Amino acid sequence: MKDNTKKITVAAMFAALAFAVAAMFNVIPITLVPSLPFLHYDPKDVLITLCGFILGPVYSVFVSLIASLIELTISNTGLIGAVMNFLSSCIYACSAALIYKRVRNVYGAVFGLIVSTLATTGFMLLWNWLISPLYMGISREAVSVMLIPAFLPFNLIKGCINAGVTLLIYKPVITVLRNMKLVKSGENKVTASNTAVALIIGIVLILLSVIAVLALK
């Protein structure tokens, strides 16, 4: 199988998985911030980010687009929601993948995920301030009141959870892809020390996120 065909195959797999987890978490919604019960967590950005780490940031754009379009079939937010999902996933996955492409080790991945969390949070605050009044039927002043105490922690917690899960499952995912001959054995090499660092940081991020969720209840 040619390299381009393999990359397209892997990207298609990630797009399908991203939609599958989004659909599953749509059926079993998880609310991170009690004051925003209509905003649910789903881990599709983990899969899109992994795709960006493995194949490059350009592929994460395509996977974000495909997953957002397919998600229209199960979402009630319409085209505006699809655009929001696409831009949010792109910013998160591409920011992390671009930095990881420059610094291809666990520290580059961690730094990329931190930057992506902050960038996505900033974008979502602006997006919600501008767009939420149009489809939520509430005033911009009401949205402004919710930005810092509600939208800000939601997006930070979501980004940290996604970062933690990404770090935890990167090695198993890349190992499976290598065993399937979809990724060359010399690409995306993960050392034992890097794996240990990734696991520790991933666990810490998830624990901090859980503590933050509990503190908001």
C-alpha atoms as a PDB file:
ATOM      1  CA  MET A   1       0.000   0.000   0.000  1.00  0.00           C
ATOM      2  CA  LYS A   2       1.424   3.393  -1.011  1.00  0.00           C
ATOM      3  CA  ASP A   3       2.208   5.965   1.671  1.00  0.00           C
ATOM      4  CA  ASN A   4      -0.505   8.418   0.545  1.00  0.00           C
ATOM      5  CA  THR A   5      -3.100   5.662   0.489  1.00  0.00           C
ATOM      6  CA  LYS A   6      -2.057   4.600   3.973  1.00  0.00           C
ATOM      7  CA  LYS A   7      -2.347   8.165   5.261  1.00  0.00           C
ATOM      8  CA  ILE A   8      -5.811   8.576   3.741  1.00  0.00           C
ATOM      9  CA  THR A   9      -6.845   5.261   5.284  1.00  0.00           C
ATOM     10  CA  VAL A  10      -5.594   6.295   8.726  1.00  0.00           C
ATOM     11  CA  ALA A  11      -7.262   9.717   8.423  1.00  0.00           C
ATOM     12  CA  ALA A  12     -10.559   8.052   7.455  1.00  0.00           C
ATOM     13  CA  MET A  13     -10.287   5.767  10.476  1.00  0.00           C
ATOM     14  CA  PHE A  14      -9.757   8.730  12.788  1.00  0.00           C
ATOM     15  CA  ALA A  15     -12.698  10.597  11.210  1.00  0.00           C
ATOM     16  CA  ALA A  16     -14.972   7.588  11.720  1.00  0.00           C
ATOM     17  CA  LEU A  17     -13.818   7.156  15.319  1.00  0.00           C
ATOM     18  CA  ALA A  18     -14.241  10.872  16.012  1.00  0.00           C
ATOM     19  CA  PHE A  19     -17.850  10.721  14.829  1.00  0.00           C
ATOM     20  CA  ALA A  20     -18.478   7.484  16.741  1.00  0.00           C
ATOM     21  CA  VAL A  21     -17.344   8.908  20.084  1.00  0.00           C
ATOM     22  CA  ALA A  22     -19.249  12.154  19.437  1.00  0.00           C
ATOM     23  CA  ALA A  23     -22.400  10.121  18.780  1.00  0.00           C
ATOM     24  CA  MET A  24     -21.866   7.987  21.879  1.00  0.00           C
ATOM     25  CA  PHE A  25     -21.361  10.993  24.138  1.00  0.00           C
ATOM     26  CA  ASN A  26     -24.401  12.628  22.546  1.00  0.00           C
ATOM     27  CA  VAL A  27     -26.488   9.693  23.790  1.00  0.00           C
ATOM     28  CA  ILE A  28     -24.759   9.686  27.190  1.00  0.00           C
ATOM     29  CA  PRO A  29     -24.094  13.405  27.813  1.00  0.00           C
ATOM     30  CA  ILE A  30     -21.450  14.483  30.315  1.00  0.00           C
ATOM     31  CA  THR A  31     -21.784  17.964  31.790  1.00  0.00           C
ATOM     32  CA  LEU A  32     -18.600  19.538  33.125  1.00  0.00           C
ATOM     33  CA  VAL A  33     -20.020  22.838  34.388  1.00  0.00           C
ATOM     34  CA  PRO A  34     -23.435  22.744  36.142  1.00  0.00           C
ATOM     35  CA  SER A  35     -24.316  26.272  34.985  1.00  0.00           C
ATOM     36  CA  LEU A  36     -23.936  25.139  31.355  1.00  0.00           C
ATOM     37  CA  PRO A  37     -25.938  21.883  31.227  1.00  0.00           C
ATOM     38  CA  PHE A  38     -26.472  22.286  27.467  1.00  0.00           C
ATOM     39  CA  LEU A  39     -22.715  22.035  26.810  1.00  0.00           C
ATOM     40  CA  HIS A  40     -21.575  18.421  26.879  1.00  0.00           C
ATOM     41  CA  TYR A  41     -18.100  16.963  26.819  1.00  0.00           C
ATOM     42  CA  ASP A  42     -17.023  14.635  24.047  1.00  0.00           C
ATOM     43  CA  PRO A  43     -13.489  13.419  23.302  1.00  0.00           C
ATOM     44  CA  LYS A  44     -13.512  13.629  19.500  1.00  0.00           C
ATOM     45  CA  ASP A  45     -10.754  16.263  19.599  1.00  0.00           C
ATOM     46  CA  VAL A  46      -8.474  13.623  21.133  1.00  0.00           C
ATOM     47  CA  LEU A  47      -8.748  11.526  17.984  1.00  0.00           C
ATOM     48  CA  ILE A  48      -8.360  14.526  15.680  1.00  0.00           C
ATOM     49  CA  THR A  49      -5.261  15.617  17.604  1.00  0.00           C
ATOM     50  CA  LEU A  50      -3.770  12.129  17.454  1.00  0.00           C
ATOM     51  CA  CYS A  51      -4.320  12.197  13.705  1.00  0.00           C
ATOM     52  CA  GLY A  52      -2.446  15.518  13.552  1.00  0.00           C
ATOM     53  CA  PHE A  53       0.412  14.151  15.648  1.00  0.00           C
ATOM     54  CA  ILE A  54       0.765  11.049  13.486  1.00  0.00           C
ATOM     55  CA  LEU A  55       0.029  12.364   9.991  1.00  0.00           C
ATOM     56  CA  GLY A  56       0.574  16.107  10.310  1.00  0.00           C
ATOM     57  CA  PRO A  57      -1.603  19.179  10.936  1.00  0.00           C
ATOM     58  CA  VAL A  58      -3.108  19.254   7.434  1.00  0.00           C
ATOM     59  CA  TYR A  59      -4.775  15.895   8.006  1.00  0.00           C
ATOM     60  CA  SER A  60      -6.288  17.118  11.263  1.00  0.00           C
ATOM     61  CA  VAL A  61      -8.034  19.868   9.261  1.00  0.00           C
ATOM     62  CA  PHE A  62      -9.623  17.336   6.922  1.00  0.00           C
ATOM     63  CA  VAL A  63     -10.648  15.038   9.776  1.00  0.00           C
ATOM     64  CA  SER A  64     -12.156  18.011  11.652  1.00  0.00           C
ATOM     65  CA  LEU A  65     -14.182  18.956   8.581  1.00  0.00           C
ATOM     66  CA  ILE A  66     -15.416  15.439   7.857  1.00  0.00           C
ATOM     67  CA  ALA A  67     -16.320  14.735  11.485  1.00  0.00           C
ATOM     68  CA  SER A  68     -18.184  18.057  11.805  1.00  0.00           C
ATOM     69  CA  LEU A  69     -20.174  17.468   8.630  1.00  0.00           C
ATOM     70  CA  ILE A  70     -21.155  13.941   9.617  1.00  0.00           C
ATOM     71  CA  GLU A  71     -22.030  15.189  13.108  1.00  0.00           C
ATOM     72  CA  LEU A  72     -24.780  17.301  11.527  1.00  0.00           C
ATOM     73  CA  THR A  73     -26.810  14.090  11.330  1.00  0.00           C
ATOM     74  CA  ILE A  74     -27.012  13.797  15.127  1.00  0.00           C
ATOM     75  CA  SER A  75     -26.709  17.421  16.250  1.00  0.00           C
ATOM     76  CA  ASN A  76     -29.544  19.885  16.799  1.00  0.00           C
ATOM     77  CA  THR A  77     -27.310  22.968  16.514  1.00  0.00           C
ATOM     78  CA  GLY A  78     -27.466  23.034  12.723  1.00  0.00           C
ATOM     79  CA  LEU A  79     -24.948  24.705  10.452  1.00  0.00           C
ATOM     80  CA  ILE A  80     -23.780  27.158  13.113  1.00  0.00           C
ATOM     81  CA  GLY A  81     -22.946  24.246  15.401  1.00  0.00           C
ATOM     82  CA  ALA A  82     -21.092  22.468  12.601  1.00  0.00           C
ATOM     83  CA  VAL A  83     -18.995  25.560  11.885  1.00  0.00           C
ATOM     84  CA  MET A  84     -18.278  25.955  15.598  1.00  0.00           C
ATOM     85  CA  ASN A  85     -17.266  22.295  15.931  1.00  0.00           C
ATOM     86  CA  PHE A  86     -15.022  22.501  12.867  1.00  0.00           C
ATOM     87  CA  LEU A  87     -13.225  25.674  13.956  1.00  0.00           C
ATOM     88  CA  SER A  88     -12.880  24.531  17.565  1.00  0.00           C
ATOM     89  CA  SER A  89     -11.453  21.123  16.590  1.00  0.00           C
ATOM     90  CA  CYS A  90      -9.156  22.700  13.991  1.00  0.00           C
ATOM     91  CA  ILE A  91      -7.717  25.209  16.432  1.00  0.00           C
ATOM     92  CA  TYR A  92      -7.180  22.568  19.111  1.00  0.00           C
ATOM     93  CA  ALA A  93      -5.725  19.813  16.918  1.00  0.00           C
ATOM     94  CA  CYS A  94      -3.757  21.995  14.498  1.00  0.00           C
ATOM     95  CA  SER A  95      -2.145  24.129  17.219  1.00  0.00           C
ATOM     96  CA  ALA A  96      -0.888  21.029  18.988  1.00  0.00           C
ATOM     97  CA  ALA A  97       0.136  19.251  15.779  1.00  0.00           C
ATOM     98  CA  LEU A  98       2.018  22.270  14.399  1.00  0.00           C
ATOM     99  CA  ILE A  99       4.116  22.586  17.551  1.00  0.00           C
ATOM    100  CA  TYR A 100       4.669  18.823  17.757  1.00  0.00           C
ATOM    101  CA  LYS A 101       5.807  18.849  14.124  1.00  0.00           C
ATOM    102  CA  ARG A 102       8.555  21.305  15.126  1.00  0.00           C
ATOM    103  CA  VAL A 103       9.480  19.612  18.409  1.00  0.00           C
ATOM    104  CA  ARG A 104       8.881  15.888  17.985  1.00  0.00           C
ATOM    105  CA  ASN A 105       9.144  14.682  21.563  1.00  0.00           C
ATOM    106  CA  VAL A 106       6.913  14.458  24.602  1.00  0.00           C
ATOM    107  CA  TYR A 107       7.756  18.021  25.654  1.00  0.00           C
ATOM    108  CA  GLY A 108       6.721  19.351  22.259  1.00  0.00           C
ATOM    109  CA  ALA A 109       3.482  17.395  22.548  1.00  0.00           C
ATOM    110  CA  VAL A 110       2.777  18.733  26.050  1.00  0.00           C
ATOM    111  CA  PHE A 111       3.594  22.314  25.079  1.00  0.00           C
ATOM    112  CA  GLY A 112       1.462  21.976  21.952  1.00  0.00           C
ATOM    113  CA  LEU A 113      -1.490  20.675  23.955  1.00  0.00           C
ATOM    114  CA  ILE A 114      -1.192  23.513  26.476  1.00  0.00           C
ATOM    115  CA  VAL A 115      -1.112  26.098  23.693  1.00  0.00           C
ATOM    116  CA  SER A 116      -4.032  24.419  21.929  1.00  0.00           C
ATOM    117  CA  THR A 117      -6.103  24.422  25.130  1.00  0.00           C
ATOM    118  CA  LEU A 118      -5.500  28.134  25.696  1.00  0.00           C
ATOM    119  CA  ALA A 119      -6.043  29.025  22.031  1.00  0.00           C
ATOM    120  CA  THR A 120      -9.284  27.059  21.804  1.00  0.00           C
ATOM    121  CA  THR A 121     -10.545  28.544  25.078  1.00  0.00           C
ATOM    122  CA  GLY A 122      -9.889  32.068  23.819  1.00  0.00           C
ATOM    123  CA  PHE A 123     -11.592  31.350  20.515  1.00  0.00           C
ATOM    124  CA  MET A 124     -14.636  29.783  22.157  1.00  0.00           C
ATOM    125  CA  LEU A 125     -15.077  32.746  24.508  1.00  0.00           C
ATOM    126  CA  LEU A 126     -15.123  35.095  21.519  1.00  0.00           C
ATOM    127  CA  TRP A 127     -17.354  32.758  19.516  1.00  0.00           C
ATOM    128  CA  ASN A 128     -19.892  32.379  22.302  1.00  0.00           C
ATOM    129  CA  TRP A 129     -19.971  36.127  22.908  1.00  0.00           C
ATOM    130  CA  LEU A 130     -20.576  36.808  19.218  1.00  0.00           C
ATOM    131  CA  ILE A 131     -22.777  33.908  18.125  1.00  0.00           C
ATOM    132  CA  SER A 132     -24.568  32.452  21.161  1.00  0.00           C
ATOM    133  CA  PRO A 133     -27.182  35.261  21.308  1.00  0.00           C
ATOM    134  CA  LEU A 134     -28.203  34.414  17.730  1.00  0.00           C
ATOM    135  CA  TYR A 135     -29.167  30.787  18.368  1.00  0.00           C
ATOM    136  CA  MET A 136     -29.712  30.663  22.134  1.00  0.00           C
ATOM    137  CA  GLY A 137     -32.318  33.413  22.116  1.00  0.00           C
ATOM    138  CA  ILE A 138     -30.706  35.377  24.937  1.00  0.00           C
ATOM    139  CA  SER A 139     -29.105  38.815  25.065  1.00  0.00           C
ATOM    140  CA  ARG A 140     -25.389  39.407  24.569  1.00  0.00           C
ATOM    141  CA  GLU A 141     -25.310  40.898  28.068  1.00  0.00           C
ATOM    142  CA  ALA A 142     -26.565  37.578  29.480  1.00  0.00           C
ATOM    143  CA  VAL A 143     -23.872  35.703  27.556  1.00  0.00           C
ATOM    144  CA  SER A 144     -21.215  38.147  28.774  1.00  0.00           C
ATOM    145  CA  VAL A 145     -22.161  37.377  32.370  1.00  0.00           C
ATOM    146  CA  MET A 146     -21.568  33.646  31.749  1.00  0.00           C
ATOM    147  CA  LEU A 147     -18.226  33.937  29.943  1.00  0.00           C
ATOM    148  CA  ILE A 148     -15.806  33.913  32.884  1.00  0.00           C
ATOM    149  CA  PRO A 149     -17.657  31.830  35.502  1.00  0.00           C
ATOM    150  CA  ALA A 150     -19.050  29.242  33.047  1.00  0.00           C
ATOM    151  CA  PHE A 151     -17.695  29.175  29.483  1.00  0.00           C
ATOM    152  CA  LEU A 152     -14.077  29.759  30.567  1.00  0.00           C
ATOM    153  CA  PRO A 153     -13.838  26.805  33.005  1.00  0.00           C
ATOM    154  CA  PHE A 154     -15.786  24.529  30.646  1.00  0.00           C
ATOM    155  CA  ASN A 155     -13.341  25.034  27.790  1.00  0.00           C
ATOM    156  CA  LEU A 156     -10.250  24.898  30.003  1.00  0.00           C
ATOM    157  CA  ILE A 157     -11.396  21.677  31.665  1.00  0.00           C
ATOM    158  CA  LYS A 158     -12.385  20.126  28.335  1.00  0.00           C
ATOM    159  CA  GLY A 159      -9.005  21.043  26.834  1.00  0.00           C
ATOM    160  CA  CYS A 160      -7.088  19.617  29.798  1.00  0.00           C
ATOM    161  CA  ILE A 161      -9.045  16.361  29.725  1.00  0.00           C
ATOM    162  CA  ASN A 162      -8.406  16.006  25.999  1.00  0.00           C
ATOM    163  CA  ALA A 163      -4.716  16.761  26.510  1.00  0.00           C
ATOM    164  CA  GLY A 164      -4.442  14.174  29.280  1.00  0.00           C
ATOM    165  CA  VAL A 165      -6.216  11.457  27.309  1.00  0.00           C
ATOM    166  CA  THR A 166      -4.131  12.224  24.201  1.00  0.00           C
ATOM    167  CA  LEU A 167      -0.923  11.750  26.167  1.00  0.00           C
ATOM    168  CA  LEU A 168      -2.189   8.529  27.752  1.00  0.00           C
ATOM    169  CA  ILE A 169      -3.271   6.763  24.567  1.00  0.00           C
ATOM    170  CA  TYR A 170      -0.742   8.017  22.012  1.00  0.00           C
ATOM    171  CA  LYS A 171       1.645   5.078  22.380  1.00  0.00           C
ATOM    172  CA  PRO A 172      -1.057   2.346  22.245  1.00  0.00           C
ATOM    173  CA  VAL A 173      -2.592   3.982  19.169  1.00  0.00           C
ATOM    174  CA  ILE A 174       0.690   4.344  17.298  1.00  0.00           C
ATOM    175  CA  THR A 175       1.604   0.751  18.232  1.00  0.00           C
ATOM    176  CA  VAL A 176      -1.656  -0.561  16.773  1.00  0.00           C
ATOM    177  CA  LEU A 177      -1.138   1.420  13.561  1.00  0.00           C
ATOM    178  CA  ARG A 178       2.393   0.059  13.228  1.00  0.00           C
ATOM    179  CA  ASN A 179       1.163  -3.500  13.723  1.00  0.00           C
ATOM    180  CA  MET A 180      -1.415  -2.872  10.983  1.00  0.00           C
ATOM    181  CA  LYS A 181       1.427  -1.668   8.702  1.00  0.00           C
ATOM    182  CA  LEU A 182      -0.324   1.704   8.328  1.00  0.00           C
ATOM    183  CA  VAL A 183       2.552   3.662   9.893  1.00  0.00           C
ATOM    184  CA  LYS A 184       6.231   3.004   9.282  1.00  0.00           C
ATOM    185  CA  SER A 185       8.113   1.601  12.254  1.00  0.00           C
ATOM    186  CA  GLY A 186      10.651   4.427  12.160  1.00  0.00           C
ATOM    187  CA  GLU A 187       8.013   7.178  12.264  1.00  0.00           C
ATOM    188  CA  ASN A 188       6.633   8.718  15.464  1.00  0.00           C
ATOM    189  CA  LYS A 189       9.092   6.769  17.601  1.00  0.00           C
ATOM    190  CA  VAL A 190       8.176   6.745  21.294  1.00  0.00           C
ATOM    191  CA  THR A 191      10.880   5.936  23.839  1.00  0.00           C
ATOM    192  CA  ALA A 192      10.264   4.392  27.243  1.00  0.00           C
ATOM    193  CA  SER A 193      11.281   7.586  29.059  1.00  0.00           C
ATOM    194  CA  ASN A 194       9.001   9.701  26.883  1.00  0.00           C
ATOM    195  CA  THR A 195       6.158   7.291  27.538  1.00  0.00           C
ATOM    196  CA  ALA A 196       6.661   7.562  31.304  1.00  0.00           C
ATOM    197  CA  VAL A 197       6.660  11.371  31.168  1.00  0.00           C
ATOM    198  CA  ALA A 198       3.550  11.391  28.965  1.00  0.00           C
ATOM    199  CA  LEU A 199       1.711   9.021  31.312  1.00  0.00           C
ATOM    200  CA  ILE A 200       2.554  11.079  34.404  1.00  0.00           C
ATOM    201  CA  ILE A 201       1.554  14.397  32.823  1.00  0.00           C
ATOM    202  CA  GLY A 202      -1.568  12.850  31.316  1.00  0.00           C
ATOM    203  CA  ILE A 203      -2.720  11.453  34.658  1.00  0.00           C
ATOM    204  CA  VAL A 204      -1.998  14.772  36.418  1.00  0.00           C
ATOM    205  CA  LEU A 205      -4.017  16.726  33.846  1.00  0.00           C
ATOM    206  CA  ILE A 206      -6.997  14.392  34.165  1.00  0.00           C
ATOM    207  CA  LEU A 207      -6.869  14.453  37.972  1.00  0.00           C
ATOM    208  CA  LEU A 208      -6.717  18.259  37.991  1.00  0.00           C
ATOM    209  CA  SER A 209      -9.679  18.344  35.615  1.00  0.00           C
ATOM    210  CA  VAL A 210     -11.712  16.030  37.857  1.00  0.00           C
ATOM    211  CA  ILE A 211     -10.900  18.194  40.876  1.00  0.00           C
ATOM    212  CA  ALA A 212     -11.965  21.310  38.954  1.00  0.00           C
ATOM    213  CA  VAL A 213     -15.269  19.691  37.934  1.00  0.00           C
ATOM    214  CA  LEU A 214     -15.998  18.660  41.517  1.00  0.00           C
ATOM    215  CA  ALA A 215     -15.115  22.146  42.778  1.00  0.00           C
ATOM    216  CA  LEU A 216     -17.660  23.695  40.392  1.00  0.00           C
ATOM    217  CA  LYS A 217     -20.515  21.515  41.672  1.00  0.00           C
END
